[in-house]
């Protein structure tokens, strides 16, 4: 059922913000944003030939405005990775709409898993990762719609930008990246503790030798 992963992930994020976010003002803002995105998923905006789900507008504004505040050098590199992500998004959607016979794995799994791998390999900062995934998927979604229109594909007439499949892909990717960020954090803590304990042991052994 399309939309399941989107709502499930949002509720997980809401619970995490409520119980683990220390700053009460920021927590309220993030909770409000999460609830607005959740409620707005049921509404669409129709403009001529285009139908848009409201969450994609809000998510797009947040992610692209974040990238726009980066330094020029970082912005170019970030947009390079964004293009890679949108390319992956388009590749698997090409198989869905034009060559479905070659599609052996679920597009949901294929798009999310490969996008997560690319972002983790190329980007270290967690906020950058999240903004890149959002921007890449949105860019891919827009280009896909234009491509369907250009090819006069039958799906273009009923296509919704930011539909529940798109939101599911985005939600799974973001939850996976947040989990990976936590793993990296705890592994770093473990590594620093290990290095500290080894340093203490070496100091003690040197003292024994000197004694």
N, C-alpha and C. Protein backbone atom coordinates (compact mmCIF):
# COMPACT_ATOMS: atom_id res chain seq x y z
N UNK A 1 0.85 -1.20 0.00
CA UNK A 1 0.00 0.00 0.00
C UNK A 1 0.88 1.24 0.00
N UNK A 2 0.74 2.05 -1.06
CA UNK A 2 1.55 3.26 -1.17
C UNK A 2 1.17 4.26 -0.08
N UNK A 3 2.18 4.86 0.51
CA UNK A 3 1.96 5.81 1.60
C UNK A 3 2.23 5.23 2.97
N UNK A 4 2.28 3.89 3.07
CA UNK A 4 2.49 3.25 4.37
C UNK A 4 3.83 3.66 4.97
N UNK A 5 4.91 3.55 4.16
CA UNK A 5 6.24 3.86 4.67
C UNK A 5 6.38 5.33 5.02
N UNK A 6 5.71 6.17 4.26
CA UNK A 6 5.74 7.61 4.51
C UNK A 6 5.16 7.94 5.88
N UNK A 7 3.95 7.44 6.15
CA UNK A 7 3.30 7.73 7.44
C UNK A 7 4.03 7.06 8.60
N UNK A 8 4.46 5.83 8.39
CA UNK A 8 5.18 5.09 9.43
C UNK A 8 6.48 5.81 9.81
N UNK A 9 7.22 6.26 8.79
CA UNK A 9 8.48 6.96 9.03
C UNK A 9 8.26 8.30 9.73
N UNK A 10 7.20 9.01 9.32
CA UNK A 10 6.92 10.31 9.94
C UNK A 10 6.58 10.14 11.42
N UNK A 11 5.80 9.11 11.74
CA UNK A 11 5.47 8.87 13.15
C UNK A 11 6.73 8.53 13.95
N UNK A 12 7.64 7.77 13.36
CA UNK A 12 8.91 7.47 14.03
C UNK A 12 9.71 8.74 14.29
N UNK A 13 9.76 9.62 13.28
CA UNK A 13 10.48 10.89 13.43
C UNK A 13 9.83 11.75 14.51
N UNK A 14 8.50 11.80 14.52
CA UNK A 14 7.78 12.59 15.53
C UNK A 14 8.08 12.07 16.94
N UNK A 15 8.07 10.75 17.11
CA UNK A 15 8.37 10.15 18.42
C UNK A 15 9.80 10.47 18.85
N UNK A 16 10.74 10.35 17.88
CA UNK A 16 12.15 10.63 18.18
C UNK A 16 12.35 12.09 18.58
N UNK A 17 11.71 13.01 17.84
CA UNK A 17 11.82 14.44 18.16
C UNK A 17 11.25 14.73 19.54
N UNK A 18 10.09 14.14 19.83
CA UNK A 18 9.40 14.43 21.09
C UNK A 18 10.20 13.95 22.30
N UNK A 19 10.80 12.77 22.21
CA UNK A 19 11.46 12.18 23.38
C UNK A 19 12.96 12.50 23.47
N UNK A 20 13.60 12.79 22.33
CA UNK A 20 15.06 12.91 22.36
C UNK A 20 15.59 14.30 22.03
N UNK A 21 14.71 15.21 21.58
CA UNK A 21 15.16 16.57 21.27
C UNK A 21 15.16 17.40 22.55
N UNK A 22 16.31 17.99 22.88
CA UNK A 22 16.47 18.69 24.15
C UNK A 22 15.85 20.09 24.11
N UNK A 23 16.17 20.85 23.06
CA UNK A 23 15.70 22.23 22.95
C UNK A 23 14.19 22.25 22.69
N UNK A 24 13.43 22.80 23.64
CA UNK A 24 11.97 22.76 23.56
C UNK A 24 11.41 23.60 22.41
N UNK A 25 12.05 24.76 22.13
CA UNK A 25 11.57 25.64 21.04
C UNK A 25 11.78 24.96 19.69
N UNK A 26 13.00 24.43 19.47
CA UNK A 26 13.29 23.73 18.22
C UNK A 26 12.42 22.48 18.08
N UNK A 27 12.22 21.80 19.21
CA UNK A 27 11.39 20.58 19.18
C UNK A 27 9.97 20.90 18.72
N UNK A 28 9.42 21.99 19.23
CA UNK A 28 8.06 22.41 18.83
C UNK A 28 8.01 22.74 17.34
N UNK A 29 9.03 23.42 16.84
CA UNK A 29 9.08 23.78 15.42
C UNK A 29 9.13 22.54 14.53
N UNK A 30 10.01 21.59 14.91
CA UNK A 30 10.16 20.37 14.11
C UNK A 30 8.90 19.50 14.17
N UNK A 31 8.28 19.44 15.34
CA UNK A 31 7.03 18.67 15.47
C UNK A 31 5.93 19.29 14.61
N UNK A 32 5.85 20.62 14.63
CA UNK A 32 4.85 21.32 13.83
C UNK A 32 5.08 21.06 12.34
N UNK A 33 6.35 21.12 11.92
CA UNK A 33 6.69 20.88 10.52
C UNK A 33 6.32 19.45 10.10
N UNK A 34 6.60 18.48 10.98
CA UNK A 34 6.29 17.08 10.68
C UNK A 34 4.78 16.86 10.55
N UNK A 35 4.02 17.46 11.44
CA UNK A 35 2.56 17.32 11.37
C UNK A 35 1.98 18.01 10.14
N UNK A 36 2.54 19.16 9.77
CA UNK A 36 2.07 19.87 8.56
C UNK A 36 2.32 19.02 7.32
N UNK A 37 3.52 18.41 7.24
CA UNK A 37 3.85 17.54 6.10
C UNK A 37 2.91 16.34 6.05
N UNK A 38 2.65 15.75 7.22
CA UNK A 38 1.76 14.58 7.28
C UNK A 38 0.34 14.93 6.82
N UNK A 39 -0.19 16.03 7.32
CA UNK A 39 -1.57 16.42 6.97
C UNK A 39 -1.66 16.85 5.51
N UNK A 40 -0.64 17.59 5.04
CA UNK A 40 -0.68 18.11 3.67
C UNK A 40 -0.55 17.02 2.61
N UNK A 41 -0.12 15.80 3.02
CA UNK A 41 0.01 14.69 2.06
C UNK A 41 -1.32 14.29 1.45
N UNK A 42 -2.41 14.65 2.10
CA UNK A 42 -3.74 14.32 1.58
C UNK A 42 -4.28 15.36 0.60
N UNK A 43 -3.51 16.42 0.36
CA UNK A 43 -3.98 17.51 -0.50
C UNK A 43 -3.09 17.66 -1.73
N UNK A 44 -3.70 18.01 -2.83
CA UNK A 44 -2.97 18.25 -4.08
C UNK A 44 -3.28 19.63 -4.62
N UNK A 45 -2.35 20.12 -5.43
CA UNK A 45 -2.51 21.43 -6.06
C UNK A 45 -2.51 21.22 -7.58
N UNK A 46 -3.56 21.64 -8.25
CA UNK A 46 -3.67 21.46 -9.70
C UNK A 46 -3.37 22.76 -10.42
N UNK A 47 -2.37 22.71 -11.32
CA UNK A 47 -1.98 23.87 -12.12
C UNK A 47 -1.91 23.44 -13.58
N UNK A 48 -2.89 23.81 -14.36
CA UNK A 48 -2.94 23.45 -15.77
C UNK A 48 -2.81 21.93 -15.94
N UNK A 49 -1.69 21.45 -16.52
CA UNK A 49 -1.50 20.00 -16.75
C UNK A 49 -0.82 19.32 -15.57
N UNK A 50 -0.40 20.09 -14.58
CA UNK A 50 0.39 19.54 -13.47
C UNK A 50 -0.46 19.40 -12.21
N UNK A 51 -0.33 18.23 -11.57
CA UNK A 51 -0.94 18.01 -10.26
C UNK A 51 0.18 17.72 -9.27
N UNK A 52 0.22 18.48 -8.19
CA UNK A 52 1.34 18.39 -7.23
C UNK A 52 0.80 18.10 -5.84
N UNK A 53 1.43 17.11 -5.18
CA UNK A 53 1.12 16.90 -3.75
C UNK A 53 1.87 17.95 -2.94
N UNK A 54 1.20 18.52 -1.95
CA UNK A 54 1.75 19.66 -1.21
C UNK A 54 3.07 19.37 -0.49
N UNK A 55 3.29 18.17 0.08
CA UNK A 55 4.55 17.96 0.80
C UNK A 55 5.80 18.19 -0.05
N UNK A 56 5.72 17.87 -1.35
CA UNK A 56 6.91 18.02 -2.19
C UNK A 56 7.33 19.48 -2.31
N UNK A 57 6.37 20.40 -2.21
CA UNK A 57 6.68 21.83 -2.28
C UNK A 57 7.44 22.26 -1.03
N UNK A 58 6.91 21.89 0.14
CA UNK A 58 7.56 22.25 1.40
C UNK A 58 8.93 21.62 1.55
N UNK A 59 9.04 20.33 1.22
CA UNK A 59 10.32 19.62 1.33
C UNK A 59 11.33 20.22 0.35
N UNK A 60 10.85 20.55 -0.86
CA UNK A 60 11.73 21.15 -1.87
C UNK A 60 12.26 22.51 -1.43
N UNK A 61 11.41 23.33 -0.87
CA UNK A 61 11.84 24.66 -0.39
C UNK A 61 12.89 24.52 0.71
N UNK A 62 12.67 23.60 1.64
CA UNK A 62 13.62 23.40 2.75
C UNK A 62 14.97 22.90 2.25
N UNK A 63 14.95 21.88 1.39
CA UNK A 63 16.20 21.26 0.94
C UNK A 63 17.00 22.18 0.01
N UNK A 64 16.33 22.82 -0.96
CA UNK A 64 17.05 23.70 -1.89
C UNK A 64 17.53 24.98 -1.21
N UNK A 65 16.76 25.49 -0.23
CA UNK A 65 17.22 26.68 0.50
C UNK A 65 18.44 26.36 1.37
N UNK A 66 18.49 25.13 1.90
CA UNK A 66 19.66 24.70 2.69
C UNK A 66 20.90 24.64 1.79
N UNK A 67 20.75 24.05 0.61
CA UNK A 67 21.88 23.95 -0.33
C UNK A 67 22.33 25.34 -0.78
N UNK A 68 21.39 26.25 -0.97
CA UNK A 68 21.71 27.61 -1.43
C UNK A 68 22.54 28.38 -0.41
N UNK A 69 22.50 27.97 0.87
CA UNK A 69 23.27 28.65 1.92
C UNK A 69 24.69 28.11 2.06
N UNK A 70 25.01 27.06 1.34
CA UNK A 70 26.36 26.48 1.41
C UNK A 70 27.36 27.37 0.69
N UNK A 71 28.65 27.17 0.98
CA UNK A 71 29.71 27.88 0.26
C UNK A 71 29.69 27.44 -1.20
N UNK A 72 30.19 28.32 -2.08
CA UNK A 72 30.10 28.07 -3.52
C UNK A 72 30.74 26.74 -3.92
N UNK A 73 31.91 26.44 -3.37
CA UNK A 73 32.60 25.19 -3.67
C UNK A 73 31.78 23.99 -3.22
N UNK A 74 31.26 24.06 -1.99
CA UNK A 74 30.42 22.97 -1.45
C UNK A 74 29.12 22.84 -2.23
N UNK A 75 28.60 23.97 -2.71
CA UNK A 75 27.33 23.96 -3.46
C UNK A 75 27.50 23.19 -4.77
N UNK A 76 28.62 23.43 -5.48
CA UNK A 76 28.86 22.73 -6.75
C UNK A 76 29.00 21.23 -6.52
N UNK A 77 29.76 20.87 -5.49
CA UNK A 77 29.94 19.45 -5.19
C UNK A 77 28.61 18.80 -4.79
N UNK A 78 27.84 19.52 -3.97
CA UNK A 78 26.54 19.02 -3.53
C UNK A 78 25.61 18.81 -4.72
N UNK A 79 25.62 19.77 -5.65
CA UNK A 79 24.74 19.63 -6.81
C UNK A 79 25.18 18.48 -7.71
N UNK A 80 26.48 18.19 -7.72
CA UNK A 80 26.98 17.02 -8.47
C UNK A 80 26.37 15.74 -7.91
N UNK A 81 26.35 15.61 -6.59
CA UNK A 81 25.77 14.42 -5.95
C UNK A 81 24.25 14.40 -6.14
N UNK A 82 23.63 15.59 -6.07
CA UNK A 82 22.18 15.69 -6.32
C UNK A 82 21.85 15.15 -7.71
N UNK A 83 22.70 15.50 -8.69
CA UNK A 83 22.49 15.02 -10.07
C UNK A 83 22.63 13.51 -10.15
N UNK A 84 23.58 12.94 -9.41
CA UNK A 84 23.72 11.48 -9.37
C UNK A 84 22.46 10.81 -8.83
N UNK A 85 21.93 11.36 -7.74
CA UNK A 85 20.72 10.81 -7.13
C UNK A 85 19.53 10.92 -8.07
N UNK A 86 19.37 12.07 -8.70
CA UNK A 86 18.25 12.24 -9.64
C UNK A 86 18.41 11.32 -10.85
N UNK A 87 19.66 11.06 -11.24
CA UNK A 87 19.92 10.11 -12.34
C UNK A 87 19.48 8.70 -11.99
N UNK A 88 19.79 8.27 -10.76
CA UNK A 88 19.34 6.95 -10.30
C UNK A 88 17.81 6.88 -10.26
N UNK A 89 17.21 7.93 -9.74
CA UNK A 89 15.75 8.02 -9.66
C UNK A 89 15.13 7.88 -11.06
N UNK A 90 15.70 8.59 -12.03
CA UNK A 90 15.19 8.55 -13.40
C UNK A 90 15.43 7.20 -14.06
N UNK A 91 16.58 6.60 -13.80
CA UNK A 91 16.93 5.31 -14.40
C UNK A 91 15.88 4.24 -14.08
N UNK A 92 15.55 4.11 -12.80
CA UNK A 92 14.60 3.07 -12.40
C UNK A 92 13.17 3.42 -12.83
N UNK A 93 12.85 4.69 -12.89
CA UNK A 93 11.53 5.08 -13.40
C UNK A 93 11.43 4.88 -14.91
N UNK A 94 12.57 4.98 -15.59
CA UNK A 94 12.57 4.67 -17.02
C UNK A 94 12.18 3.21 -17.23
N UNK A 95 12.76 2.33 -16.40
CA UNK A 95 12.40 0.91 -16.49
C UNK A 95 10.91 0.69 -16.18
N UNK A 96 10.39 1.42 -15.20
CA UNK A 96 8.98 1.28 -14.82
C UNK A 96 8.06 1.63 -15.98
N UNK A 97 8.34 2.75 -16.65
CA UNK A 97 7.41 3.27 -17.65
C UNK A 97 7.71 2.83 -19.08
N UNK A 98 8.99 2.51 -19.37
CA UNK A 98 9.34 2.22 -20.75
C UNK A 98 9.86 0.79 -20.98
N UNK A 99 10.55 0.22 -20.01
CA UNK A 99 11.11 -1.13 -20.16
C UNK A 99 10.84 -1.97 -18.91
N UNK A 100 9.58 -2.18 -18.54
CA UNK A 100 9.29 -2.90 -17.29
C UNK A 100 9.75 -4.35 -17.28
N UNK A 101 10.00 -4.92 -18.46
CA UNK A 101 10.42 -6.32 -18.54
C UNK A 101 11.79 -6.52 -17.89
N UNK A 102 12.61 -5.44 -17.83
CA UNK A 102 13.95 -5.54 -17.25
C UNK A 102 13.96 -5.27 -15.75
N UNK A 103 12.81 -5.02 -15.16
CA UNK A 103 12.75 -4.64 -13.76
C UNK A 103 12.54 -5.88 -12.89
N UNK A 104 13.63 -6.40 -12.33
CA UNK A 104 13.57 -7.64 -11.55
C UNK A 104 13.39 -7.37 -10.06
N UNK A 105 13.87 -6.23 -9.59
CA UNK A 105 13.80 -5.89 -8.17
C UNK A 105 12.81 -4.75 -7.98
N UNK A 106 12.16 -4.70 -6.83
CA UNK A 106 11.21 -3.63 -6.54
C UNK A 106 11.88 -2.26 -6.69
N UNK A 107 11.26 -1.34 -7.45
CA UNK A 107 11.84 0.00 -7.61
C UNK A 107 12.05 0.71 -6.28
N UNK A 108 11.16 0.47 -5.32
CA UNK A 108 11.28 1.08 -4.00
C UNK A 108 12.60 0.70 -3.35
N UNK A 109 12.93 -0.59 -3.41
CA UNK A 109 14.18 -1.10 -2.81
C UNK A 109 15.38 -0.61 -3.62
N UNK A 110 15.27 -0.69 -4.95
CA UNK A 110 16.40 -0.32 -5.82
C UNK A 110 16.79 1.14 -5.66
N UNK A 111 15.80 2.02 -5.74
CA UNK A 111 16.08 3.47 -5.68
C UNK A 111 16.64 3.85 -4.32
N UNK A 112 15.99 3.39 -3.24
CA UNK A 112 16.42 3.78 -1.89
C UNK A 112 17.81 3.24 -1.56
N UNK A 113 18.03 1.96 -1.84
CA UNK A 113 19.31 1.34 -1.45
C UNK A 113 20.49 1.96 -2.19
N UNK A 114 20.37 2.13 -3.51
CA UNK A 114 21.47 2.71 -4.28
C UNK A 114 21.69 4.18 -3.94
N UNK A 115 20.62 4.91 -3.73
CA UNK A 115 20.75 6.34 -3.37
C UNK A 115 21.44 6.50 -2.02
N UNK A 116 21.07 5.66 -1.06
CA UNK A 116 21.70 5.71 0.27
C UNK A 116 23.19 5.42 0.17
N UNK A 117 23.55 4.40 -0.61
CA UNK A 117 24.97 4.03 -0.78
C UNK A 117 25.75 5.20 -1.38
N UNK A 118 25.21 5.81 -2.44
CA UNK A 118 25.89 6.93 -3.11
C UNK A 118 26.09 8.10 -2.15
N UNK A 119 25.03 8.45 -1.40
CA UNK A 119 25.11 9.60 -0.49
C UNK A 119 26.09 9.33 0.65
N UNK A 120 26.09 8.13 1.20
CA UNK A 120 27.00 7.80 2.30
C UNK A 120 28.46 7.82 1.82
N UNK A 121 28.69 7.34 0.59
CA UNK A 121 30.05 7.30 0.05
C UNK A 121 30.59 8.69 -0.28
N UNK A 122 29.73 9.57 -0.79
CA UNK A 122 30.19 10.87 -1.30
C UNK A 122 30.05 12.02 -0.30
N UNK A 123 29.20 11.86 0.71
CA UNK A 123 28.91 12.98 1.63
C UNK A 123 29.07 12.51 3.08
N UNK A 124 29.67 13.33 3.91
CA UNK A 124 29.90 12.98 5.32
C UNK A 124 28.93 13.66 6.27
N UNK A 125 28.56 14.91 6.00
CA UNK A 125 27.68 15.65 6.89
C UNK A 125 26.24 15.15 6.77
N UNK A 126 25.59 14.90 7.92
CA UNK A 126 24.26 14.29 7.89
C UNK A 126 23.19 15.21 7.29
N UNK A 127 23.22 16.50 7.64
CA UNK A 127 22.25 17.44 7.06
C UNK A 127 22.42 17.57 5.55
N UNK A 128 23.68 17.56 5.10
CA UNK A 128 23.95 17.59 3.67
C UNK A 128 23.38 16.35 2.98
N UNK A 129 23.55 15.20 3.62
CA UNK A 129 23.01 13.96 3.07
C UNK A 129 21.49 14.04 2.88
N UNK A 130 20.81 14.50 3.92
CA UNK A 130 19.34 14.58 3.88
C UNK A 130 18.87 15.56 2.80
N UNK A 131 19.51 16.73 2.74
CA UNK A 131 19.11 17.73 1.74
C UNK A 131 19.40 17.25 0.32
N UNK A 132 20.50 16.52 0.15
CA UNK A 132 20.86 16.00 -1.18
C UNK A 132 19.85 14.95 -1.64
N UNK A 133 19.46 14.06 -0.74
CA UNK A 133 18.47 13.03 -1.09
C UNK A 133 17.15 13.68 -1.49
N UNK A 134 16.69 14.64 -0.68
CA UNK A 134 15.42 15.33 -0.98
C UNK A 134 15.51 16.06 -2.32
N UNK A 135 16.57 16.83 -2.52
CA UNK A 135 16.73 17.61 -3.75
C UNK A 135 16.87 16.71 -4.97
N UNK A 136 17.65 15.62 -4.81
CA UNK A 136 17.86 14.69 -5.93
C UNK A 136 16.57 14.02 -6.37
N UNK A 137 15.79 13.55 -5.41
CA UNK A 137 14.52 12.90 -5.74
C UNK A 137 13.53 13.88 -6.36
N UNK A 138 13.47 15.10 -5.82
CA UNK A 138 12.54 16.11 -6.37
C UNK A 138 12.95 16.49 -7.79
N UNK A 139 14.24 16.68 -8.01
CA UNK A 139 14.73 17.00 -9.35
C UNK A 139 14.41 15.86 -10.31
N UNK A 140 14.65 14.64 -9.87
CA UNK A 140 14.34 13.46 -10.69
C UNK A 140 12.87 13.35 -11.00
N UNK A 141 12.03 13.66 -10.00
CA UNK A 141 10.58 13.60 -10.18
C UNK A 141 10.10 14.62 -11.23
N UNK A 142 10.63 15.82 -11.17
CA UNK A 142 10.24 16.87 -12.13
C UNK A 142 10.70 16.51 -13.54
N UNK A 143 11.96 16.06 -13.67
CA UNK A 143 12.49 15.68 -14.98
C UNK A 143 11.71 14.49 -15.56
N UNK A 144 11.35 13.55 -14.70
CA UNK A 144 10.56 12.39 -15.13
C UNK A 144 9.22 12.82 -15.72
N UNK A 145 8.55 13.74 -15.03
CA UNK A 145 7.26 14.22 -15.52
C UNK A 145 7.40 14.91 -16.88
N UNK A 146 8.46 15.74 -17.02
CA UNK A 146 8.70 16.42 -18.30
C UNK A 146 9.02 15.42 -19.41
N UNK A 147 9.74 14.35 -19.03
CA UNK A 147 10.08 13.32 -20.01
C UNK A 147 8.83 12.56 -20.47
N UNK A 148 7.93 12.26 -19.54
CA UNK A 148 6.68 11.59 -19.89
C UNK A 148 5.82 12.47 -20.79
N UNK A 149 5.81 13.77 -20.51
CA UNK A 149 5.07 14.70 -21.36
C UNK A 149 5.67 14.77 -22.76
N UNK A 150 6.99 14.82 -22.81
CA UNK A 150 7.68 14.94 -24.10
C UNK A 150 7.45 13.70 -24.97
N UNK A 151 7.39 12.54 -24.30
CA UNK A 151 7.16 11.27 -25.01
C UNK A 151 5.68 10.99 -25.25
N UNK A 152 4.81 11.89 -24.78
CA UNK A 152 3.35 11.72 -24.86
C UNK A 152 2.91 10.38 -24.25
N UNK A 153 3.54 10.04 -23.13
CA UNK A 153 3.23 8.78 -22.45
C UNK A 153 1.84 8.87 -21.81
N UNK A 154 1.14 7.74 -21.83
CA UNK A 154 -0.23 7.71 -21.30
C UNK A 154 -0.27 8.06 -19.81
N UNK A 155 0.84 7.78 -19.08
CA UNK A 155 0.88 8.04 -17.63
C UNK A 155 0.96 9.53 -17.31
N UNK A 156 1.38 10.34 -18.28
CA UNK A 156 1.56 11.78 -18.03
C UNK A 156 0.25 12.46 -17.66
N UNK A 157 -0.86 11.99 -18.24
CA UNK A 157 -2.16 12.63 -18.01
C UNK A 157 -2.61 12.53 -16.56
N UNK A 158 -2.27 11.41 -15.90
CA UNK A 158 -2.72 11.20 -14.51
C UNK A 158 -1.57 11.27 -13.50
N UNK A 159 -0.40 11.74 -13.97
CA UNK A 159 0.77 11.74 -13.09
C UNK A 159 0.65 12.82 -12.02
N UNK A 160 1.00 12.46 -10.79
CA UNK A 160 0.98 13.41 -9.66
C UNK A 160 2.41 13.59 -9.17
N UNK A 161 2.91 14.80 -9.23
CA UNK A 161 4.26 15.09 -8.71
C UNK A 161 4.27 14.92 -7.19
N UNK A 162 5.17 14.07 -6.71
CA UNK A 162 5.25 13.85 -5.27
C UNK A 162 4.16 12.93 -4.76
N UNK A 163 3.79 11.92 -5.55
CA UNK A 163 2.74 10.98 -5.12
C UNK A 163 3.24 10.13 -3.95
N UNK A 164 2.39 9.22 -3.48
CA UNK A 164 2.75 8.45 -2.29
C UNK A 164 3.94 7.51 -2.52
N UNK A 165 4.12 7.04 -3.76
CA UNK A 165 5.31 6.23 -4.05
C UNK A 165 6.57 7.07 -3.85
N UNK A 166 6.55 8.29 -4.37
CA UNK A 166 7.67 9.21 -4.19
C UNK A 166 7.92 9.47 -2.70
N UNK A 167 6.85 9.72 -1.95
CA UNK A 167 6.98 10.00 -0.51
C UNK A 167 7.50 8.78 0.25
N UNK A 168 7.11 7.57 -0.19
CA UNK A 168 7.63 6.35 0.43
C UNK A 168 9.13 6.22 0.21
N UNK A 169 9.57 6.44 -1.03
CA UNK A 169 11.00 6.38 -1.37
C UNK A 169 11.78 7.39 -0.53
N UNK A 170 11.26 8.60 -0.44
CA UNK A 170 11.92 9.66 0.32
C UNK A 170 11.98 9.33 1.81
N UNK A 171 10.87 8.83 2.34
CA UNK A 171 10.79 8.52 3.78
C UNK A 171 11.75 7.40 4.17
N UNK A 172 11.78 6.33 3.39
CA UNK A 172 12.68 5.20 3.69
C UNK A 172 14.13 5.66 3.61
N UNK A 173 14.45 6.46 2.61
CA UNK A 173 15.83 6.95 2.46
C UNK A 173 16.25 7.82 3.65
N UNK A 174 15.36 8.70 4.09
CA UNK A 174 15.69 9.60 5.19
C UNK A 174 15.83 8.85 6.51
N UNK A 175 14.91 7.91 6.76
CA UNK A 175 15.01 7.10 7.98
C UNK A 175 16.30 6.28 7.99
N UNK A 176 16.64 5.70 6.85
CA UNK A 176 17.88 4.90 6.74
C UNK A 176 19.11 5.76 7.00
N UNK A 177 19.12 6.98 6.46
CA UNK A 177 20.26 7.88 6.66
C UNK A 177 20.37 8.33 8.12
N UNK A 178 19.23 8.58 8.75
CA UNK A 178 19.24 8.96 10.17
C UNK A 178 19.77 7.81 11.03
N UNK A 179 19.36 6.59 10.71
CA UNK A 179 19.84 5.41 11.45
C UNK A 179 21.34 5.22 11.23
N UNK A 180 21.78 5.39 9.98
CA UNK A 180 23.21 5.26 9.68
C UNK A 180 24.02 6.33 10.42
N UNK A 181 23.48 7.52 10.52
CA UNK A 181 24.14 8.60 11.26
C UNK A 181 24.35 8.22 12.72
N UNK A 182 23.34 7.60 13.31
CA UNK A 182 23.44 7.15 14.71
C UNK A 182 24.51 6.06 14.84
N UNK A 183 24.53 5.14 13.87
CA UNK A 183 25.53 4.06 13.89
C UNK A 183 26.93 4.65 13.82
N UNK A 184 27.13 5.62 12.90
CA UNK A 184 28.43 6.29 12.77
C UNK A 184 28.82 6.98 14.07
N UNK A 185 27.85 7.62 14.71
CA UNK A 185 28.11 8.34 15.96
C UNK A 185 28.57 7.37 17.05
N UNK A 186 27.81 6.28 17.22
CA UNK A 186 28.16 5.31 18.28
C UNK A 186 29.46 4.57 17.97
N UNK A 187 29.73 4.32 16.70
CA UNK A 187 31.00 3.69 16.32
C UNK A 187 32.16 4.63 16.62
N UNK A 188 31.96 5.94 16.38
CA UNK A 188 32.98 6.93 16.70
C UNK A 188 33.25 7.00 18.19
N UNK A 189 32.16 6.95 18.99
CA UNK A 189 32.29 6.95 20.45
C UNK A 189 33.04 5.71 20.92
N UNK A 190 32.69 4.57 20.33
CA UNK A 190 33.36 3.31 20.68
C UNK A 190 34.84 3.36 20.35
N UNK A 191 35.13 3.93 19.16
CA UNK A 191 36.52 4.05 18.71
C UNK A 191 37.33 4.94 19.62
N UNK A 192 36.75 6.06 20.04
CA UNK A 192 37.48 6.99 20.92
C UNK A 192 37.73 6.36 22.30
N UNK A 193 36.73 5.61 22.80
CA UNK A 193 36.90 4.93 24.09
C UNK A 193 37.98 3.86 24.01
N UNK A 194 37.98 3.13 22.87
CA UNK A 194 38.99 2.09 22.66
C UNK A 194 40.38 2.71 22.61
N UNK A 195 40.52 3.82 21.88
CA UNK A 195 41.82 4.49 21.78
C UNK A 195 42.28 5.02 23.14
N UNK A 196 41.33 5.55 23.92
CA UNK A 196 41.66 6.06 25.26
C UNK A 196 42.13 4.93 26.16
N UNK A 197 41.42 3.79 26.13
CA UNK A 197 41.79 2.65 26.98
C UNK A 197 43.14 2.09 26.59
N UNK A 198 43.43 2.03 25.27
CA UNK A 198 44.72 1.54 24.79
C UNK A 198 45.85 2.48 25.21
N UNK A 199 45.55 3.80 25.18
CA UNK A 199 46.56 4.79 25.59
C UNK A 199 46.88 4.64 27.08
N UNK A 200 45.84 4.43 27.89
CA UNK A 200 46.04 4.25 29.34
C UNK A 200 46.85 3.00 29.61
N UNK A 201 46.54 1.91 28.89
CA UNK A 201 47.28 0.65 29.06
C UNK A 201 48.74 0.82 28.70
N UNK A 202 48.99 1.53 27.59
CA UNK A 202 50.38 1.76 27.16
C UNK A 202 51.15 2.60 28.18
N UNK A 203 50.44 3.60 28.76
CA UNK A 203 51.08 4.44 29.77
C UNK A 203 51.47 3.61 31.00
N UNK A 204 50.55 2.71 31.40
CA UNK A 204 50.82 1.87 32.57
C UNK A 204 51.97 0.93 32.31
N UNK A 205 52.01 0.34 31.09
CA UNK A 205 53.09 -0.60 30.77
C UNK A 205 54.44 0.11 30.72
N UNK A 206 54.46 1.37 30.22
CA UNK A 206 55.71 2.14 30.19
C UNK A 206 56.20 2.45 31.61
N UNK A 207 55.26 2.75 32.52
CA UNK A 207 55.62 3.03 33.91
C UNK A 207 56.22 1.79 34.57
N UNK A 208 55.64 0.62 34.29
CA UNK A 208 56.15 -0.63 34.88
C UNK A 208 57.56 -0.90 34.38
N UNK A 209 57.80 -0.67 33.07
CA UNK A 209 59.12 -0.90 32.49
C UNK A 209 60.14 0.05 33.11
N UNK A 210 59.74 1.33 33.26
CA UNK A 210 60.63 2.35 33.83
C UNK A 210 60.94 2.07 35.30
N UNK A 211 59.91 1.46 36.00
CA UNK A 211 60.12 1.15 37.41
C UNK A 211 61.10 0.01 37.56
